[in-house]
Amino acid sequence: MVDVDSLSRKAKRASRELAHSTTEEKNAVLQNIAKKLRENKQEILEANQQDINLAKESGLSEAIIDRLSLQGDRLERIVEDLETVIHLDDPIGQVIDTKTLDNQLEVSKVRTPLGVIGVIYESRPNVTIDIAGLAIKSGNAAVIRGGKETMNSNRALVNVVKQALEDCHFPADCFMFIDDPRRECVHELLQCYESVDMIIPRGGANLHQYCREHSKIPVITGGIGICHIFVDESADLERAIEVIHNAKTQRPSVCNALDTLLVHRTIGETFIPQIVENLGKDGVTFKGDNAAVVISKDGAIQPAGEGDWDTEWLSLVLGIKVVDGFDEAVEHIANHSSGHSDCILTESQDNAENFLKLVDSAAVYVNASTRFTDGSQLGLGAEIAISTQKLHARGPMALAELSTYKWIIRGKYQVR
C-alpha cells in the first residue's frame, strides 16, 4: 500500500527545489520527456492496450474506452502538445504590476508557483503527460492519482517522466504517482493540507462531489460539459449544420462535445429535419421536446425524459429543443448548462453580443464549434483541467493558471 501522506510530503520538499529552476532547465526536462516518450512508444502502447483489453473485459462503456486509448496517432499528438508547452512563455517571475508609492516603497506583484498540485482523474492517461509538462514548466510539483482502469498506461508514462527528471538532475519526487488502486487513496490525498496546495478532480460528477465534501484542500472542479448551441432565426443554416456536426460527432466522448441543440421556432420546420438527416448518417440519435418530436414526424426524435436536459451524453445522442426566441434560449442555458461551453449561431450582431454578455459559461462562442474549448486548441499547449468555477481560474487551466503571485516590496529603511 502507498503511504499517500509521506509521498505528498516528499513532493512538497521537491517543490521548493523546483521553484528555483530556470526556464532553460525546465524546458530541457520537457524536451527529454518528449524524446523518451517517442523512444518508449512501443512499451507505452503495449501497456495501454492491456488497459483497453481489461476495460473491454470489464464491460466499460465505449466512451470510457475511447478516452482511455493512446493508440493511433494520439501518443504523438500528446508529445507535440508537450513540445508546444516548451515554446510558451514561462509565467514564473513575471511582474504582473509594479508601482512606486509616495513614501518611495517599490511595490510589485510577481508570479510564483502554487507549490504542490494534487490531480485525481479517470480514464485519460494523456492527462498524465499534460500534468507533467504544465506542472514542471510552471515550477510546481504534482501528486497524481489516475483511475484503476489506467494503471498500466500510467506506470509506463510515469517511468518515462521519472527517467527524464533524473537525467536532467531534477528532483524525481516533484512528480509523484499514487500507484495504488484503492479508493481510500483519494480520501487520504484530500487530507494532505500541509503538503498539497490545490486539488483538481477530473472525472464524473460523483468524483467532484466527493472531493468538495471531503477535501481539506482548496478544490477546483470542472470538465463536466453540458454544452449548448442556439441557432437563431438569422443563422446561415448551411454553415450551421457543419458546426453542429463537428461539435457533436468529431469526438462525442469528451466534455466539450455538444449535448443540446436549441432551435428558434421560426426555422424549426426547415432546419430540424436537415439536422436529423445530416447527423443521423453518422449514427446520432435524438431526444427532443414535444415541438421537435412533432416536427420530426417519422419518429427520428424520441421524447426527452426527465433529466435529459441535464445530461452530459458523452455519446452520439443529441437533445433538440425548440425555443420561441433569444430570451428562452438564454434562460434554458442558464438553467441547464454546466458552465463549460455554450454557443450561438447567428448573423445578428446584437444577438451575438447579448449572448456573450448574458451567458455565464467558462467559454462562450459565436459561430464556432464548442470543440475548441481545449488548452491545445486555444494556444495554451495543453491543459491540466477545464475549470467551470470562477476562483481562481476559469476554462482551460494551463501555465498561468498554475501560478499565484506574491507581493515584492523594496524599501530604503522606511517605517510606518
Protein backbone atom coordinates (compact mmCIF):
# COMPACT_ATOMS: atom_id res chain seq x y z
CA MET A 1 0.00 0.00 0.00
CA VAL A 2 1.13 3.54 -0.78
CA ASP A 3 1.65 6.00 2.09
CA VAL A 4 -0.03 9.00 0.48
CA ASP A 5 0.92 11.44 3.24
CA SER A 6 4.62 10.53 3.03
CA LEU A 7 4.54 10.73 -0.76
CA SER A 8 2.91 14.19 -0.64
CA ARG A 9 5.47 15.49 1.86
CA LYS A 10 8.27 14.37 -0.44
CA ALA A 11 6.59 16.28 -3.27
CA LYS A 12 6.44 19.38 -1.06
CA ARG A 13 10.16 19.24 -0.38
CA ALA A 14 10.88 18.74 -4.08
CA SER A 15 8.66 21.69 -4.99
CA ARG A 16 10.96 24.06 -3.10
CA GLU A 17 13.91 22.92 -5.18
CA LEU A 18 11.92 23.04 -8.41
CA ALA A 19 10.83 26.62 -7.71
CA HIS A 20 14.44 27.77 -8.12
CA SER A 21 14.85 26.20 -11.58
CA THR A 22 15.39 28.39 -14.61
CA THR A 23 13.21 28.34 -17.68
CA GLU A 24 16.03 26.77 -19.68
CA GLU A 25 16.42 23.97 -17.13
CA LYS A 26 12.70 23.23 -17.07
CA ASN A 27 12.49 23.24 -20.87
CA ALA A 28 15.38 20.78 -21.03
CA VAL A 29 13.41 18.37 -18.83
CA LEU A 30 10.33 18.67 -21.03
CA GLN A 31 12.41 18.09 -24.14
CA ASN A 32 13.84 14.98 -22.54
CA ILE A 33 10.35 13.73 -21.66
CA ALA A 34 9.25 14.22 -25.27
CA LYS A 35 12.32 12.34 -26.52
CA LYS A 36 11.77 9.42 -24.15
CA LEU A 37 8.07 9.19 -24.98
CA ARG A 38 8.99 8.61 -28.60
CA GLU A 39 11.80 6.20 -27.70
CA ASN A 40 9.48 4.16 -25.44
CA LYS A 41 6.43 4.36 -27.72
CA GLN A 42 6.07 0.60 -28.17
CA GLU A 43 6.26 -0.13 -24.47
CA ILE A 44 3.73 2.61 -23.69
CA LEU A 45 1.26 1.44 -26.35
CA GLU A 46 1.53 -2.17 -25.17
CA ALA A 47 0.73 -1.10 -21.61
CA ASN A 48 -2.15 0.98 -22.90
CA GLN A 49 -3.50 -1.95 -24.90
CA GLN A 50 -3.51 -4.01 -21.70
CA ASP A 51 -5.73 -1.37 -20.09
CA ILE A 52 -8.02 -1.29 -23.12
CA ASN A 53 -8.38 -5.09 -23.10
CA LEU A 54 -9.17 -5.10 -19.37
CA ALA A 55 -11.70 -2.30 -19.87
CA LYS A 56 -13.49 -4.28 -22.56
CA GLU A 57 -13.49 -7.42 -20.39
CA SER A 58 -14.97 -5.37 -17.54
CA GLY A 59 -17.76 -4.07 -19.78
CA LEU A 60 -16.76 -0.41 -19.55
CA SER A 61 -18.53 1.93 -21.97
CA GLU A 62 -17.24 2.86 -25.40
CA ALA A 63 -16.88 6.45 -24.17
CA ILE A 64 -14.51 5.39 -21.38
CA ILE A 65 -12.54 3.11 -23.69
CA ASP A 66 -12.16 5.95 -26.20
CA ARG A 67 -10.83 8.31 -23.51
CA LEU A 68 -8.51 5.56 -22.29
CA SER A 69 -6.85 4.92 -25.65
CA LEU A 70 -3.40 6.18 -26.66
CA GLN A 71 -3.46 4.17 -29.90
CA GLY A 72 -3.11 5.50 -33.43
CA ASP A 73 -1.54 8.96 -33.51
CA ARG A 74 -2.76 10.02 -30.07
CA LEU A 75 0.56 9.50 -28.31
CA GLU A 76 2.36 11.55 -30.94
CA ARG A 77 -0.19 14.35 -30.53
CA ILE A 78 0.48 14.31 -26.78
CA VAL A 79 4.20 14.70 -27.48
CA GLU A 80 3.51 17.57 -29.89
CA ASP A 81 1.43 19.34 -27.23
CA LEU A 82 4.31 18.91 -24.79
CA GLU A 83 6.68 20.45 -27.33
CA THR A 84 4.29 23.39 -27.69
CA VAL A 85 4.50 23.97 -23.93
CA ILE A 86 8.28 24.14 -24.24
CA HIS A 87 7.98 27.14 -26.55
CA LEU A 88 5.45 29.01 -24.42
CA ASP A 89 6.48 31.85 -22.12
CA ASP A 90 7.30 30.82 -18.57
CA PRO A 91 4.92 32.70 -16.27
CA ILE A 92 7.10 32.29 -13.17
CA GLY A 93 8.88 35.51 -12.26
CA GLN A 94 6.66 37.65 -14.48
CA VAL A 95 5.86 41.04 -12.96
CA ILE A 96 2.08 41.48 -13.03
CA ASP A 97 2.03 45.02 -11.68
CA THR A 98 4.51 47.48 -10.23
CA LYS A 99 4.40 50.98 -8.79
CA THR A 100 6.32 53.35 -6.53
CA LEU A 101 4.34 54.73 -3.63
CA ASP A 102 4.53 58.27 -2.27
CA ASN A 103 6.81 57.01 0.51
CA GLN A 104 9.16 55.60 -2.17
CA LEU A 105 8.38 51.96 -1.45
CA GLU A 106 8.66 49.99 -4.70
CA VAL A 107 5.77 47.53 -4.81
CA SER A 108 5.34 44.70 -7.32
CA LYS A 109 3.22 41.59 -7.78
CA VAL A 110 5.26 38.69 -9.16
CA ARG A 111 4.04 35.30 -10.39
CA THR A 112 5.17 32.30 -8.33
CA PRO A 113 4.33 28.57 -8.42
CA LEU A 114 1.38 27.29 -6.43
CA GLY A 115 3.55 24.59 -4.86
CA VAL A 116 2.09 21.07 -5.00
CA ILE A 117 -0.91 20.21 -7.16
CA GLY A 118 -2.92 17.07 -6.49
CA VAL A 119 -4.77 15.74 -9.53
CA ILE A 120 -7.33 12.93 -9.32
CA TYR A 121 -8.53 11.74 -12.70
CA GLU A 122 -10.27 8.93 -14.51
CA SER A 123 -9.82 7.20 -17.85
CA ARG A 124 -7.40 9.61 -19.52
CA PRO A 125 -3.72 8.64 -19.47
CA ASN A 126 -2.94 11.64 -21.70
CA VAL A 127 -3.61 13.76 -18.62
CA THR A 128 -0.52 12.25 -17.02
CA ILE A 129 1.77 13.92 -19.54
CA ASP A 130 -0.27 17.14 -19.61
CA ILE A 131 0.18 17.41 -15.85
CA ALA A 132 3.90 16.65 -16.02
CA GLY A 133 4.55 19.24 -18.73
CA LEU A 134 2.49 22.05 -17.27
CA ALA A 135 3.48 21.44 -13.65
CA ILE A 136 7.22 21.30 -14.35
CA LYS A 137 7.16 24.32 -16.67
CA SER A 138 5.23 26.35 -14.06
CA GLY A 139 7.58 25.24 -11.27
CA ASN A 140 5.06 23.07 -9.44
CA ALA A 141 5.34 19.57 -8.04
CA ALA A 142 2.43 17.21 -8.68
CA VAL A 143 0.85 14.25 -6.95
CA ILE A 144 -1.31 12.28 -9.37
CA ARG A 145 -3.87 9.56 -8.84
CA GLY A 146 -5.26 8.07 -12.06
CA GLY A 147 -8.15 5.66 -12.24
CA LYS A 148 -7.64 1.93 -11.80
CA GLU A 149 -8.53 1.43 -15.47
CA THR A 150 -5.38 3.36 -16.49
CA MET A 151 -2.84 1.77 -14.13
CA ASN A 152 -0.69 0.05 -16.77
CA SER A 153 -0.61 3.09 -19.04
CA ASN A 154 0.20 5.45 -16.19
CA ARG A 155 3.02 3.27 -14.86
CA ALA A 156 4.68 3.33 -18.28
CA LEU A 157 4.22 7.10 -18.67
CA VAL A 158 5.37 7.93 -15.14
CA ASN A 159 8.51 5.83 -15.63
CA VAL A 160 9.37 7.95 -18.66
CA VAL A 161 8.86 11.19 -16.73
CA LYS A 162 10.93 9.97 -13.77
CA GLN A 163 13.80 8.91 -16.07
CA ALA A 164 13.76 12.30 -17.78
CA LEU A 165 13.83 14.15 -14.44
CA GLU A 166 16.76 12.09 -13.18
CA ASP A 167 18.69 12.51 -16.44
CA CYS A 168 18.43 16.28 -16.00
CA HIS A 169 19.34 16.15 -12.29
CA PHE A 170 15.89 17.33 -11.24
CA PRO A 171 14.25 16.02 -8.06
CA ALA A 172 12.26 12.97 -9.18
CA ASP A 173 9.94 13.49 -6.21
CA CYS A 174 8.44 16.53 -7.92
CA PHE A 175 6.23 14.13 -9.90
CA MET A 176 4.62 11.57 -7.61
CA PHE A 177 2.30 8.79 -8.73
CA ILE A 178 -0.08 7.08 -6.31
CA ASP A 179 0.38 3.59 -7.71
CA ASP A 180 -2.44 2.08 -5.71
CA PRO A 181 -6.00 1.44 -6.99
CA ARG A 182 -7.62 1.61 -3.54
CA ARG A 183 -10.40 4.20 -3.32
CA GLU A 184 -9.09 5.10 0.13
CA CYS A 185 -6.09 6.75 -1.53
CA VAL A 186 -8.32 9.53 -2.87
CA HIS A 187 -9.58 10.32 0.63
CA GLU A 188 -6.04 10.21 2.03
CA LEU A 189 -4.82 12.68 -0.58
CA LEU A 190 -7.67 15.05 0.22
CA GLN A 191 -6.45 15.26 3.83
CA CYS A 192 -2.85 16.30 2.97
CA TYR A 193 -3.45 20.01 3.55
CA GLU A 194 0.03 20.58 4.96
CA SER A 195 1.78 19.44 1.79
CA VAL A 196 -0.70 19.82 -1.11
CA ASP A 197 -1.84 23.29 -2.15
CA MET A 198 -4.64 22.58 -4.62
CA ILE A 199 -6.77 19.60 -5.68
CA ILE A 200 -8.06 19.19 -9.23
CA PRO A 201 -10.50 16.31 -9.81
CA ARG A 202 -11.02 15.28 -13.42
CA GLY A 203 -13.87 12.85 -13.77
CA GLY A 204 -17.59 12.46 -13.27
CA ALA A 205 -19.96 14.38 -11.04
CA ASN A 206 -19.64 11.86 -8.22
CA LEU A 207 -15.87 12.38 -8.01
CA HIS A 208 -16.29 16.15 -7.98
CA GLN A 209 -18.93 15.99 -5.27
CA TYR A 210 -16.80 13.66 -3.15
CA CYS A 211 -13.80 16.00 -3.38
CA ARG A 212 -15.86 19.06 -2.49
CA GLU A 213 -17.34 17.33 0.55
CA HIS A 214 -14.20 15.64 1.92
CA SER A 215 -11.21 17.79 0.95
CA LYS A 216 -9.28 19.88 3.47
CA ILE A 217 -7.51 21.46 0.47
CA PRO A 218 -8.96 24.02 -1.99
CA VAL A 219 -10.64 22.18 -4.87
CA ILE A 220 -11.07 23.38 -8.45
CA THR A 221 -13.75 21.42 -10.29
CA GLY A 222 -14.64 21.34 -13.94
CA GLY A 223 -14.58 19.16 -17.01
CA ILE A 224 -18.27 18.23 -16.89
CA GLY A 225 -19.69 19.76 -20.03
CA ILE A 226 -23.41 20.05 -20.71
CA CYS A 227 -22.85 22.15 -23.81
CA HIS A 228 -25.41 24.02 -25.91
CA ILE A 229 -25.68 25.55 -29.35
CA PHE A 230 -28.51 28.01 -30.03
CA VAL A 231 -29.41 28.50 -33.70
CA ASP A 232 -31.28 31.77 -34.04
CA GLU A 233 -33.56 32.80 -36.90
CA SER A 234 -30.81 34.71 -38.72
CA ALA A 235 -28.19 31.93 -38.81
CA ASP A 236 -26.61 30.71 -42.03
CA LEU A 237 -28.24 27.29 -41.86
CA GLU A 238 -25.95 25.53 -44.32
CA ARG A 239 -22.86 26.55 -42.38
CA ALA A 240 -24.63 25.96 -39.05
CA ILE A 241 -25.07 22.28 -39.92
CA GLU A 242 -21.31 21.93 -40.39
CA VAL A 243 -20.60 23.47 -36.96
CA ILE A 244 -23.22 21.31 -35.23
CA HIS A 245 -21.95 18.17 -36.95
CA ASN A 246 -18.42 18.89 -35.76
CA ALA A 247 -19.47 19.75 -32.21
CA LYS A 248 -21.47 16.53 -31.85
CA THR A 249 -19.62 13.90 -33.86
CA GLN A 250 -15.92 14.81 -34.08
CA ARG A 251 -15.29 13.22 -30.67
CA PRO A 252 -18.54 12.70 -28.77
CA SER A 253 -16.96 11.21 -25.62
CA VAL A 254 -15.33 14.45 -24.45
CA CYS A 255 -16.55 17.29 -22.26
CA ASN A 256 -16.69 19.97 -24.98
CA ALA A 257 -18.93 17.93 -27.30
CA LEU A 258 -22.43 19.24 -27.99
CA ASP A 259 -25.28 17.92 -25.81
CA THR A 260 -28.28 20.14 -26.52
CA LEU A 261 -29.30 22.00 -29.68
CA LEU A 262 -31.70 24.92 -29.24
CA VAL A 263 -33.53 25.94 -32.44
CA HIS A 264 -35.56 29.11 -32.99
CA ARG A 265 -39.18 28.21 -33.70
CA THR A 266 -39.35 30.16 -36.97
CA ILE A 267 -36.71 27.94 -38.57
CA GLY A 268 -37.56 24.69 -36.79
CA GLU A 269 -39.75 23.15 -39.51
CA THR A 270 -36.99 23.65 -42.08
CA PHE A 271 -33.84 23.17 -40.04
CA ILE A 272 -34.55 20.29 -37.66
CA PRO A 273 -35.20 17.71 -40.44
CA GLN A 274 -31.90 18.76 -42.04
CA ILE A 275 -30.06 18.21 -38.76
CA VAL A 276 -31.67 14.80 -38.25
CA GLU A 277 -30.77 13.70 -41.77
CA ASN A 278 -27.20 15.02 -41.64
CA LEU A 279 -26.19 13.78 -38.18
CA GLY A 280 -28.26 10.62 -38.40
CA LYS A 281 -25.99 9.36 -41.18
CA ASP A 282 -23.18 9.24 -38.61
CA GLY A 283 -25.18 7.33 -36.05
CA VAL A 284 -26.50 10.21 -33.95
CA THR A 285 -29.80 9.55 -32.17
CA PHE A 286 -32.08 12.29 -30.95
CA LYS A 287 -34.18 13.25 -27.94
CA GLY A 288 -36.44 16.26 -28.16
CA ASP A 289 -39.19 18.34 -26.64
CA ASN A 290 -42.77 17.97 -27.93
CA ALA A 291 -42.28 20.52 -30.71
CA ALA A 292 -39.15 18.79 -32.02
CA VAL A 293 -40.84 15.37 -31.87
CA VAL A 294 -43.82 16.68 -33.88
CA ILE A 295 -41.53 18.26 -36.48
CA SER A 296 -39.61 15.00 -36.99
CA LYS A 297 -42.87 13.17 -37.83
CA ASP A 298 -41.16 9.87 -38.65
CA GLY A 299 -40.16 9.12 -35.06
CA ALA A 300 -36.50 10.01 -35.61
CA ILE A 301 -36.64 12.17 -32.47
CA GLN A 302 -37.68 10.39 -29.28
CA PRO A 303 -39.36 12.34 -26.47
CA ALA A 304 -36.86 13.69 -23.94
CA GLY A 305 -37.24 12.21 -20.49
CA GLU A 306 -36.89 13.74 -17.06
CA GLY A 307 -33.30 14.86 -16.55
CA ASP A 308 -32.30 14.62 -20.21
CA TRP A 309 -31.62 18.36 -20.45
CA ASP A 310 -29.19 17.97 -17.52
CA THR A 311 -27.30 15.03 -19.04
CA GLU A 312 -23.78 15.10 -20.43
CA TRP A 313 -24.26 12.46 -23.12
CA LEU A 314 -20.63 11.59 -23.91
CA SER A 315 -22.01 9.62 -26.84
CA LEU A 316 -23.83 10.06 -30.15
CA VAL A 317 -27.02 11.35 -28.52
CA LEU A 318 -28.26 14.88 -29.14
CA GLY A 319 -31.07 16.74 -27.39
CA ILE A 320 -33.11 19.12 -29.55
CA LYS A 321 -35.41 21.78 -28.13
CA VAL A 322 -37.48 24.38 -29.97
CA VAL A 323 -37.45 27.82 -28.36
CA ASP A 324 -39.57 30.87 -29.04
CA GLY A 325 -36.64 33.24 -29.16
CA PHE A 326 -33.38 34.53 -27.77
CA ASP A 327 -34.60 35.04 -24.22
CA GLU A 328 -35.93 31.48 -23.88
CA ALA A 329 -32.67 30.06 -25.25
CA VAL A 330 -30.58 32.02 -22.76
CA GLU A 331 -32.92 31.02 -19.92
CA HIS A 332 -32.64 27.34 -20.85
CA ILE A 333 -28.84 27.58 -20.88
CA ALA A 334 -28.84 29.34 -17.51
CA ASN A 335 -30.96 26.54 -16.03
CA HIS A 336 -29.22 23.53 -17.59
CA SER A 337 -25.67 24.40 -18.66
CA SER A 338 -22.77 23.17 -16.55
CA GLY A 339 -20.95 26.43 -17.30
CA HIS A 340 -18.46 24.78 -19.64
CA SER A 341 -19.03 25.81 -23.30
CA ASP A 342 -22.08 27.35 -24.95
CA CYS A 343 -22.56 28.84 -28.42
CA ILE A 344 -24.85 30.93 -30.59
CA LEU A 345 -25.01 30.59 -34.38
CA THR A 346 -26.28 33.88 -35.74
CA GLU A 347 -25.88 36.63 -38.31
CA SER A 348 -27.25 39.20 -35.85
CA GLN A 349 -24.55 41.30 -34.27
CA ASP A 350 -26.93 42.34 -31.48
CA ASN A 351 -27.82 38.73 -30.64
CA ALA A 352 -24.17 37.76 -30.72
CA GLU A 353 -23.08 40.49 -28.33
CA ASN A 354 -26.02 39.96 -25.98
CA PHE A 355 -25.31 36.22 -25.89
CA LEU A 356 -21.68 36.89 -24.95
CA LYS A 357 -22.82 39.17 -22.13
CA LEU A 358 -25.67 37.07 -20.76
CA VAL A 359 -24.35 33.51 -20.96
CA ASP A 360 -22.11 32.94 -17.94
CA SER A 361 -20.00 29.96 -19.01
CA ALA A 362 -16.25 29.44 -18.98
CA ALA A 363 -16.20 29.56 -22.80
CA VAL A 364 -18.86 31.39 -24.81
CA TYR A 365 -18.86 31.11 -28.60
CA VAL A 366 -20.27 32.95 -31.57
CA ASN A 367 -20.34 30.93 -34.81
CA ALA A 368 -17.79 28.27 -33.87
CA SER A 369 -17.78 24.68 -32.60
CA THR A 370 -17.61 24.11 -28.85
CA ARG A 371 -14.85 21.57 -29.57
CA PHE A 372 -12.30 24.41 -29.39
CA THR A 373 -12.51 24.57 -25.58
CA ASP A 374 -9.18 22.87 -25.18
CA GLY A 375 -5.80 24.08 -23.99
CA SER A 376 -4.02 22.98 -27.13
CA GLN A 377 -6.64 24.48 -29.47
CA LEU A 378 -6.60 27.81 -27.62
CA GLY A 379 -2.83 28.15 -27.87
CA LEU A 380 -2.00 27.02 -24.32
CA GLY A 381 -0.15 23.87 -25.35
CA ALA A 382 -2.27 21.67 -23.08
CA GLU A 383 -4.44 21.98 -20.01
CA ILE A 384 -4.39 20.36 -16.61
CA ALA A 385 -8.18 20.74 -16.39
CA ILE A 386 -11.04 22.88 -17.66
CA SER A 387 -12.41 24.80 -14.73
CA THR A 388 -16.09 25.70 -14.61
CA GLN A 389 -15.55 27.62 -11.38
CA LYS A 390 -14.69 31.29 -11.04
CA LEU A 391 -11.93 31.17 -8.39
CA HIS A 392 -9.09 31.46 -9.20
CA ALA A 393 -9.08 30.07 -12.74
CA ARG A 394 -11.75 29.52 -15.38
CA GLY A 395 -11.73 27.50 -18.59
CA PRO A 396 -8.60 25.65 -19.71
CA MET A 397 -6.03 25.72 -16.91
CA ALA A 398 -2.51 25.98 -18.29
CA LEU A 399 0.73 27.65 -17.19
CA ALA A 400 -0.57 30.99 -15.93
CA GLU A 401 -3.46 29.29 -14.11
CA LEU A 402 -0.98 27.10 -12.22
CA SER A 403 0.67 30.14 -10.70
CA THR A 404 -0.20 32.51 -7.92
CA TYR A 405 1.61 35.75 -7.01
CA LYS A 406 3.37 37.35 -4.11
CA TRP A 407 3.95 40.97 -3.21
CA ILE A 408 7.52 42.17 -3.52
CA ILE A 409 8.22 45.36 -1.57
CA ARG A 410 11.62 47.08 -1.82
CA GLY A 411 12.37 49.86 0.59
CA LYS A 412 15.06 52.18 1.89
CA TYR A 413 14.52 51.59 5.58
CA GLN A 414 11.07 53.18 5.58
CA VAL A 415 8.89 52.87 8.69
CA ARG A 416 5.14 53.34 9.03
